[in-house]
Every structure is written in structure tokens, then in C-alpha cells.
Amino acid sequence: MSILKDIRIGWKLAACIVVLLSVCCVCGCTDDSSAGGEATPAQTAATTAQSSPQAPASGEVVHYTAMMEYLPTMTNNWIVGEKDGATMTYSGESWSQAYADYTLKSDDSVKGTVVIQDTRGIEGAGYYGMWTAQMTIETPEMKMYTGTVDGYPAYFIEDLEDDDYTEIVSINDRFFVYVMIENGKPEYLTVFNNQIDFDGIAGLA
């Protein structure tokens, strides 16, 4: 159940990154001015090379029940769904995640998802691969860009057609906090961020 959950909440983000990386490789991410219109030139960032051997995983895995304590409780404007989690294995190393779903009370078509992962720095575990594959791009339909959340590096994706807004926050290259808003507004990410103790998550290591 938890593996299927992980696939469901990450497929849009993974698909966007893979497709846009492919486009940039083929087209060079340049603006075709002869096509007319005012297309915004795409800006790309090289993906992180992974030529060195996998480093040993950091410390003991944090149990998912400990991370569940850091999932947002939210305000009266949001309905908190089921909170769950799991501990898994990748390449013989354990990693864990906790997650919860949220629904806006005034509009049940607006959904939120929060995932907290302890990848222990294992390349390929959880959202680690998505984090290293990040790029920067801006089109009329989508924006991908980097920034910070509470002082921690973050990666943002805005699907302007579907009103979906996603962020991944990296905490000391070990923990990842994933927040996704479906059919909502970008400011809802801030609402969730204000309910997450990022320093507390860092202290779990």
C-alpha cells in the first residue's frame, strides 16, 4: 500500500522532469523565434553527475512513526486524512517515509499531500533521484525553479494548466519534505510550510 502511495504522489513530478530533460537533450532548450509568438526561452541546469561510488548511508534509519509527528496538523480550513508510513530497503540499505493527505474544507477538489522521507543520503532512495535531476525552465504552461524554504534548499514545480504546485525541500542531503497541492494556489504551499518544523526534522538524524 505504501509503495503504491509513493508512486501515486510522485508520478507527475517524475514525468515532468524526465520529459523536459528529454526535450532539452534533443532541442537544446532554445527558443524558436521563427515559430512566432513570445515564447519564453527555456533555461536549463545541468544534472548532478553521479560518477563516484555510492557513499555509505548516514546513521540509523529514522522510524516512520517518528517522522509522522512532524506531518502538519493544519488549521480548521483543512481536513487531515490518513497518516501512514513505511520503512523500505534500497540496494540493501533501509530508508523510511511518512505521509498524509489533506483536503480544503471550502473546496474538496483542492487536495494536499505531504511526504517526509529519511533517505539516509542513499542515491536512488525516495525523492533523491528527482532532487538530483532538477532543472530550471519556464513556459506558459509550467515553471521549474530553485529556491529556499526556512533556509533549506528547495525545488519548485508549478503546473499552470492544472493548478498543481509542488515543492521538494532537502534537509542536509538526507531528509526530503515533499508538498504537493492539486487544483489549488501557490500560496497554499506557504500555508503547509508554516506548519512544518524543518529544523525539528533535521534534528532527527
C-alpha atoms as a PDB file:
ATOM      1  CA  MET A   1       0.000   0.000   0.000  1.00  0.00           C
ATOM      2  CA  SER A   2       2.758   2.474   0.931  1.00  0.00           C
ATOM      3  CA  ILE A   3       4.750   1.726  -2.245  1.00  0.00           C
ATOM      4  CA  LEU A   4       1.688   2.388  -4.397  1.00  0.00           C
ATOM      5  CA  LYS A   5       1.128   5.581  -2.442  1.00  0.00           C
ATOM      6  CA  ASP A   6       4.677   6.696  -3.165  1.00  0.00           C
ATOM      7  CA  ILE A   7       4.245   6.027  -6.868  1.00  0.00           C
ATOM      8  CA  ARG A   8       0.944   7.927  -6.985  1.00  0.00           C
ATOM      9  CA  ILE A   9       2.213  11.083  -5.339  1.00  0.00           C
ATOM     10  CA  GLY A  10       5.439  11.211  -7.326  1.00  0.00           C
ATOM     11  CA  TRP A  11       4.446  10.321 -10.869  1.00  0.00           C
ATOM     12  CA  LYS A  12       3.664  13.854 -12.043  1.00  0.00           C
ATOM     13  CA  LEU A  13       6.926  15.240 -10.731  1.00  0.00           C
ATOM     14  CA  ALA A  14       8.988  12.401 -12.183  1.00  0.00           C
ATOM     15  CA  ALA A  15       7.221  12.575 -15.537  1.00  0.00           C
ATOM     16  CA  CYS A  16       7.719  16.341 -15.816  1.00  0.00           C
ATOM     17  CA  ILE A  17      11.435  16.097 -15.082  1.00  0.00           C
ATOM     18  CA  VAL A  18      12.060  13.143 -17.417  1.00  0.00           C
ATOM     19  CA  VAL A  19      10.077  14.624 -20.310  1.00  0.00           C
ATOM     20  CA  LEU A  20      11.631  18.072 -20.032  1.00  0.00           C
ATOM     21  CA  LEU A  21      15.133  16.669 -19.707  1.00  0.00           C
ATOM     22  CA  SER A  22      14.498  14.684 -22.890  1.00  0.00           C
ATOM     23  CA  VAL A  23      13.247  17.789 -24.690  1.00  0.00           C
ATOM     24  CA  CYS A  24      16.302  19.751 -23.648  1.00  0.00           C
ATOM     25  CA  CYS A  25      18.640  16.998 -24.823  1.00  0.00           C
ATOM     26  CA  VAL A  26      17.000  16.866 -28.245  1.00  0.00           C
ATOM     27  CA  CYS A  27      16.242  20.566 -28.794  1.00  0.00           C
ATOM     28  CA  GLY A  28      18.917  22.198 -26.718  1.00  0.00           C
ATOM     29  CA  CYS A  29      16.240  24.117 -24.787  1.00  0.00           C
ATOM     30  CA  THR A  30      16.389  27.057 -27.189  1.00  0.00           C
ATOM     31  CA  ASP A  31      13.607  29.414 -28.177  1.00  0.00           C
ATOM     32  CA  ASP A  32      12.499  29.022 -31.800  1.00  0.00           C
ATOM     33  CA  SER A  33      11.802  32.654 -32.603  1.00  0.00           C
ATOM     34  CA  SER A  34      10.723  31.782 -36.148  1.00  0.00           C
ATOM     35  CA  ALA A  35       7.679  29.974 -34.803  1.00  0.00           C
ATOM     36  CA  GLY A  36       6.060  33.292 -33.855  1.00  0.00           C
ATOM     37  CA  GLY A  37       4.598  34.375 -30.538  1.00  0.00           C
ATOM     38  CA  GLU A  38       6.549  35.337 -27.467  1.00  0.00           C
ATOM     39  CA  ALA A  39       7.783  32.039 -26.108  1.00  0.00           C
ATOM     40  CA  THR A  40       9.969  32.319 -23.033  1.00  0.00           C
ATOM     41  CA  PRO A  41      13.454  30.880 -23.643  1.00  0.00           C
ATOM     42  CA  ALA A  42      13.998  27.801 -21.518  1.00  0.00           C
ATOM     43  CA  GLN A  43      16.819  27.871 -19.015  1.00  0.00           C
ATOM     44  CA  THR A  44      18.462  24.641 -18.055  1.00  0.00           C
ATOM     45  CA  ALA A  45      20.645  23.497 -15.215  1.00  0.00           C
ATOM     46  CA  ALA A  46      22.962  20.558 -15.666  1.00  0.00           C
ATOM     47  CA  THR A  47      22.033  17.494 -13.699  1.00  0.00           C
ATOM     48  CA  THR A  48      24.362  16.354 -10.962  1.00  0.00           C
ATOM     49  CA  ALA A  49      26.861  13.769 -12.135  1.00  0.00           C
ATOM     50  CA  GLN A  50      26.876  10.540 -10.177  1.00  0.00           C
ATOM     51  CA  SER A  51      30.224   9.102 -11.224  1.00  0.00           C
ATOM     52  CA  SER A  52      31.570   8.426  -7.749  1.00  0.00           C
ATOM     53  CA  PRO A  53      30.726   5.246  -5.834  1.00  0.00           C
ATOM     54  CA  GLN A  54      27.730   5.250  -3.524  1.00  0.00           C
ATOM     55  CA  ALA A  55      28.758   6.702  -0.173  1.00  0.00           C
ATOM     56  CA  PRO A  56      27.841   4.786   2.970  1.00  0.00           C
ATOM     57  CA  ALA A  57      24.375   5.602   4.255  1.00  0.00           C
ATOM     58  CA  SER A  58      24.222   8.023   7.166  1.00  0.00           C
ATOM     59  CA  GLY A  59      23.400   6.644  10.621  1.00  0.00           C
ATOM     60  CA  GLU A  60      20.406   4.527  11.541  1.00  0.00           C
ATOM     61  CA  VAL A  61      17.168   4.980   9.672  1.00  0.00           C
ATOM     62  CA  VAL A  62      14.611   7.166  11.469  1.00  0.00           C
ATOM     63  CA  HIS A  63      11.445   5.160  12.061  1.00  0.00           C
ATOM     64  CA  TYR A  64       8.487   6.452  10.097  1.00  0.00           C
ATOM     65  CA  THR A  65       6.414   6.870  13.260  1.00  0.00           C
ATOM     66  CA  ALA A  66       8.904   9.487  14.479  1.00  0.00           C
ATOM     67  CA  MET A  67       8.541  11.427  11.223  1.00  0.00           C
ATOM     68  CA  MET A  68       4.746  11.193  11.387  1.00  0.00           C
ATOM     69  CA  GLU A  69       4.935  13.517  14.385  1.00  0.00           C
ATOM     70  CA  TYR A  70       6.201  16.238  12.013  1.00  0.00           C
ATOM     71  CA  LEU A  71       3.391  15.956   9.478  1.00  0.00           C
ATOM     72  CA  PRO A  72       1.262  19.125   9.518  1.00  0.00           C
ATOM     73  CA  THR A  73      -1.767  19.133  11.786  1.00  0.00           C
ATOM     74  CA  MET A  74      -3.042  22.137   9.783  1.00  0.00           C
ATOM     75  CA  THR A  75      -5.779  24.585  10.693  1.00  0.00           C
ATOM     76  CA  ASN A  76      -9.551  24.376  10.698  1.00  0.00           C
ATOM     77  CA  ASN A  77      -9.523  25.194   6.978  1.00  0.00           C
ATOM     78  CA  TRP A  78      -8.097  21.785   6.062  1.00  0.00           C
ATOM     79  CA  ILE A  79      -9.291  18.256   6.724  1.00  0.00           C
ATOM     80  CA  VAL A  80      -6.456  15.903   7.645  1.00  0.00           C
ATOM     81  CA  GLY A  81      -6.728  12.464   6.075  1.00  0.00           C
ATOM     82  CA  GLU A  82      -4.941   9.254   6.962  1.00  0.00           C
ATOM     83  CA  LYS A  83      -1.382   9.477   8.222  1.00  0.00           C
ATOM     84  CA  ASP A  84       0.775   6.482   7.427  1.00  0.00           C
ATOM     85  CA  GLY A  85       4.334   5.454   6.676  1.00  0.00           C
ATOM     86  CA  ALA A  86       6.737   2.645   5.966  1.00  0.00           C
ATOM     87  CA  THR A  87      10.336   1.525   6.202  1.00  0.00           C
ATOM     88  CA  MET A  88      11.783   0.116   2.976  1.00  0.00           C
ATOM     89  CA  THR A  89      15.031  -1.184   1.540  1.00  0.00           C
ATOM     90  CA  TYR A  90      17.020   0.064  -1.454  1.00  0.00           C
ATOM     91  CA  SER A  91      20.280  -1.588  -2.501  1.00  0.00           C
ATOM     92  CA  GLY A  92      20.413  -3.352   0.849  1.00  0.00           C
ATOM     93  CA  GLU A  93      20.010  -0.117   2.833  1.00  0.00           C
ATOM     94  CA  SER A  94      16.927   0.915   4.815  1.00  0.00           C
ATOM     95  CA  TRP A  95      15.087   4.191   4.303  1.00  0.00           C
ATOM     96  CA  SER A  96      11.717   5.415   5.545  1.00  0.00           C
ATOM     97  CA  GLN A  97       8.874   7.788   4.830  1.00  0.00           C
ATOM     98  CA  ALA A  98       5.738   9.180   6.451  1.00  0.00           C
ATOM     99  CA  TYR A  99       2.874  10.842   4.608  1.00  0.00           C
ATOM    100  CA  ALA A 100      -0.585  12.343   4.929  1.00  0.00           C
ATOM    101  CA  ASP A 101      -3.342  13.689   2.691  1.00  0.00           C
ATOM    102  CA  TYR A 102      -5.293  16.916   3.205  1.00  0.00           C
ATOM    103  CA  THR A 103      -8.485  18.387   1.739  1.00  0.00           C
ATOM    104  CA  LEU A 104      -9.556  22.025   1.735  1.00  0.00           C
ATOM    105  CA  LYS A 105     -12.839  22.324   3.646  1.00  0.00           C
ATOM    106  CA  SER A 106     -14.300  25.034   1.430  1.00  0.00           C
ATOM    107  CA  ASP A 107     -13.497  23.130  -1.796  1.00  0.00           C
ATOM    108  CA  ASP A 108     -12.971  19.377  -1.658  1.00  0.00           C
ATOM    109  CA  SER A 109     -11.435  19.402  -5.140  1.00  0.00           C
ATOM    110  CA  VAL A 110      -8.335  21.034  -3.626  1.00  0.00           C
ATOM    111  CA  LYS A 111      -6.011  18.367  -2.242  1.00  0.00           C
ATOM    112  CA  GLY A 112      -2.713  18.445  -0.445  1.00  0.00           C
ATOM    113  CA  THR A 113      -0.096  15.768   0.112  1.00  0.00           C
ATOM    114  CA  VAL A 114       2.913  15.893   2.431  1.00  0.00           C
ATOM    115  CA  VAL A 115       5.671  13.290   2.497  1.00  0.00           C
ATOM    116  CA  ILE A 116       8.686  13.248   4.805  1.00  0.00           C
ATOM    117  CA  GLN A 117      11.481  10.875   3.855  1.00  0.00           C
ATOM    118  CA  ASP A 118      14.678   9.764   5.520  1.00  0.00           C
ATOM    119  CA  THR A 119      16.774   8.579   2.566  1.00  0.00           C
ATOM    120  CA  ARG A 120      19.936   8.491   4.701  1.00  0.00           C
ATOM    121  CA  GLY A 121      21.659  10.009   1.644  1.00  0.00           C
ATOM    122  CA  ILE A 122      21.139   6.856  -0.409  1.00  0.00           C
ATOM    123  CA  GLU A 123      21.196   7.713  -4.113  1.00  0.00           C
ATOM    124  CA  GLY A 124      18.057   6.297  -5.699  1.00  0.00           C
ATOM    125  CA  ALA A 125      16.028   6.087  -2.498  1.00  0.00           C
ATOM    126  CA  GLY A 126      12.788   8.063  -2.350  1.00  0.00           C
ATOM    127  CA  TYR A 127      12.963  11.502  -3.978  1.00  0.00           C
ATOM    128  CA  TYR A 128      16.765  11.568  -4.047  1.00  0.00           C
ATOM    129  CA  GLY A 129      16.839  10.882  -7.793  1.00  0.00           C
ATOM    130  CA  MET A 130      14.257  13.572  -8.542  1.00  0.00           C
ATOM    131  CA  TRP A 131      16.257  16.045  -6.490  1.00  0.00           C
ATOM    132  CA  THR A 132      19.495  15.420  -8.403  1.00  0.00           C
ATOM    133  CA  ALA A 133      17.677  15.539 -11.775  1.00  0.00           C
ATOM    134  CA  GLN A 134      16.223  19.002 -11.200  1.00  0.00           C
ATOM    135  CA  MET A 135      16.355  21.648 -13.908  1.00  0.00           C
ATOM    136  CA  THR A 136      15.128  25.210 -14.361  1.00  0.00           C
ATOM    137  CA  ILE A 137      12.570  26.064 -17.033  1.00  0.00           C
ATOM    138  CA  GLU A 138       9.724  28.480 -17.653  1.00  0.00           C
ATOM    139  CA  THR A 139       6.955  28.140 -20.255  1.00  0.00           C
ATOM    140  CA  PRO A 140       3.372  29.427 -20.391  1.00  0.00           C
ATOM    141  CA  GLU A 141       2.261  26.059 -19.018  1.00  0.00           C
ATOM    142  CA  MET A 142       4.931  25.218 -16.440  1.00  0.00           C
ATOM    143  CA  LYS A 143       7.653  26.621 -14.233  1.00  0.00           C
ATOM    144  CA  MET A 144      10.507  24.741 -12.559  1.00  0.00           C
ATOM    145  CA  TYR A 145      12.879  26.678 -10.359  1.00  0.00           C
ATOM    146  CA  THR A 146      15.002  26.524  -7.217  1.00  0.00           C
ATOM    147  CA  GLY A 147      14.715  28.489  -4.000  1.00  0.00           C
ATOM    148  CA  THR A 148      14.712  28.016  -0.244  1.00  0.00           C
ATOM    149  CA  VAL A 149      12.208  27.134   2.455  1.00  0.00           C
ATOM    150  CA  ASP A 150      13.128  28.090   6.020  1.00  0.00           C
ATOM    151  CA  GLY A 151      16.749  28.309   4.919  1.00  0.00           C
ATOM    152  CA  TYR A 152      16.829  24.870   3.294  1.00  0.00           C
ATOM    153  CA  PRO A 153      17.307  24.386  -0.475  1.00  0.00           C
ATOM    154  CA  ALA A 154      14.085  23.671  -2.312  1.00  0.00           C
ATOM    155  CA  TYR A 155      12.888  22.807  -5.806  1.00  0.00           C
ATOM    156  CA  PHE A 156       9.535  24.028  -7.077  1.00  0.00           C
ATOM    157  CA  ILE A 157       7.306  22.901  -9.935  1.00  0.00           C
ATOM    158  CA  GLU A 158       4.219  24.838 -10.986  1.00  0.00           C
ATOM    159  CA  ASP A 159       1.792  23.212 -13.421  1.00  0.00           C
ATOM    160  CA  LEU A 160      -0.086  26.321 -14.510  1.00  0.00           C
ATOM    161  CA  GLU A 161      -2.590  24.403 -16.629  1.00  0.00           C
ATOM    162  CA  ASP A 162      -3.817  22.097 -13.875  1.00  0.00           C
ATOM    163  CA  ASP A 163      -3.121  24.454 -10.944  1.00  0.00           C
ATOM    164  CA  ASP A 164      -0.817  21.899  -9.328  1.00  0.00           C
ATOM    165  CA  TYR A 165       2.058  23.188  -7.190  1.00  0.00           C
ATOM    166  CA  THR A 166       4.884  21.026  -5.865  1.00  0.00           C
ATOM    167  CA  GLU A 167       7.988  21.528  -3.775  1.00  0.00           C
ATOM    168  CA  ILE A 168      10.778  19.281  -2.560  1.00  0.00           C
ATOM    169  CA  VAL A 169      12.864  20.552   0.336  1.00  0.00           C
ATOM    170  CA  SER A 170      16.241  18.930   1.000  1.00  0.00           C
ATOM    171  CA  ILE A 171      17.358  18.835   4.619  1.00  0.00           C
ATOM    172  CA  ASN A 172      21.089  18.188   4.929  1.00  0.00           C
ATOM    173  CA  ASP A 173      21.066  15.908   1.842  1.00  0.00           C
ATOM    174  CA  ARG A 174      19.303  13.263   3.900  1.00  0.00           C
ATOM    175  CA  PHE A 175      15.684  14.168   4.598  1.00  0.00           C
ATOM    176  CA  PHE A 176      13.266  15.281   1.904  1.00  0.00           C
ATOM    177  CA  VAL A 177       9.975  17.041   2.505  1.00  0.00           C
ATOM    178  CA  TYR A 178       7.593  16.821  -0.436  1.00  0.00           C
ATOM    179  CA  VAL A 179       4.492  19.016  -0.567  1.00  0.00           C
ATOM    180  CA  MET A 180       2.013  18.908  -3.441  1.00  0.00           C
ATOM    181  CA  ILE A 181      -1.132  20.966  -3.924  1.00  0.00           C
ATOM    182  CA  GLU A 182      -3.614  19.749  -6.514  1.00  0.00           C
ATOM    183  CA  ASN A 183      -6.125  22.121  -8.108  1.00  0.00           C
ATOM    184  CA  GLY A 184      -5.096  24.892  -5.742  1.00  0.00           C
ATOM    185  CA  LYS A 185      -2.999  28.042  -5.387  1.00  0.00           C
ATOM    186  CA  PRO A 186       0.767  28.502  -4.937  1.00  0.00           C
ATOM    187  CA  GLU A 187       0.260  30.267  -1.614  1.00  0.00           C
ATOM    188  CA  TYR A 188      -1.108  27.021  -0.183  1.00  0.00           C
ATOM    189  CA  LEU A 189       2.484  25.733  -0.174  1.00  0.00           C
ATOM    190  CA  THR A 190       3.314  28.516   2.288  1.00  0.00           C
ATOM    191  CA  VAL A 191       0.353  27.516   4.447  1.00  0.00           C
ATOM    192  CA  PHE A 192       1.768  23.986   4.716  1.00  0.00           C
ATOM    193  CA  ASN A 193       5.360  25.159   5.185  1.00  0.00           C
ATOM    194  CA  ASN A 194       4.281  27.236   8.164  1.00  0.00           C
ATOM    195  CA  GLN A 195       3.023  24.025   9.778  1.00  0.00           C
ATOM    196  CA  ILE A 196       6.229  22.018   9.224  1.00  0.00           C
ATOM    197  CA  ASP A 197       9.147  22.088  11.672  1.00  0.00           C
ATOM    198  CA  PHE A 198      12.048  21.672   9.235  1.00  0.00           C
ATOM    199  CA  ASP A 199      14.691  22.161  11.928  1.00  0.00           C
ATOM    200  CA  GLY A 200      12.962  19.527  14.030  1.00  0.00           C
ATOM    201  CA  ILE A 201      13.147  17.062  11.151  1.00  0.00           C
ATOM    202  CA  ALA A 202      16.853  17.827  10.743  1.00  0.00           C
ATOM    203  CA  GLY A 203      17.310  17.045  14.437  1.00  0.00           C
ATOM    204  CA  LEU A 204      16.004  13.508  13.977  1.00  0.00           C
ATOM    205  CA  ALA A 205      19.335  12.436  12.458  1.00  0.00           C
END
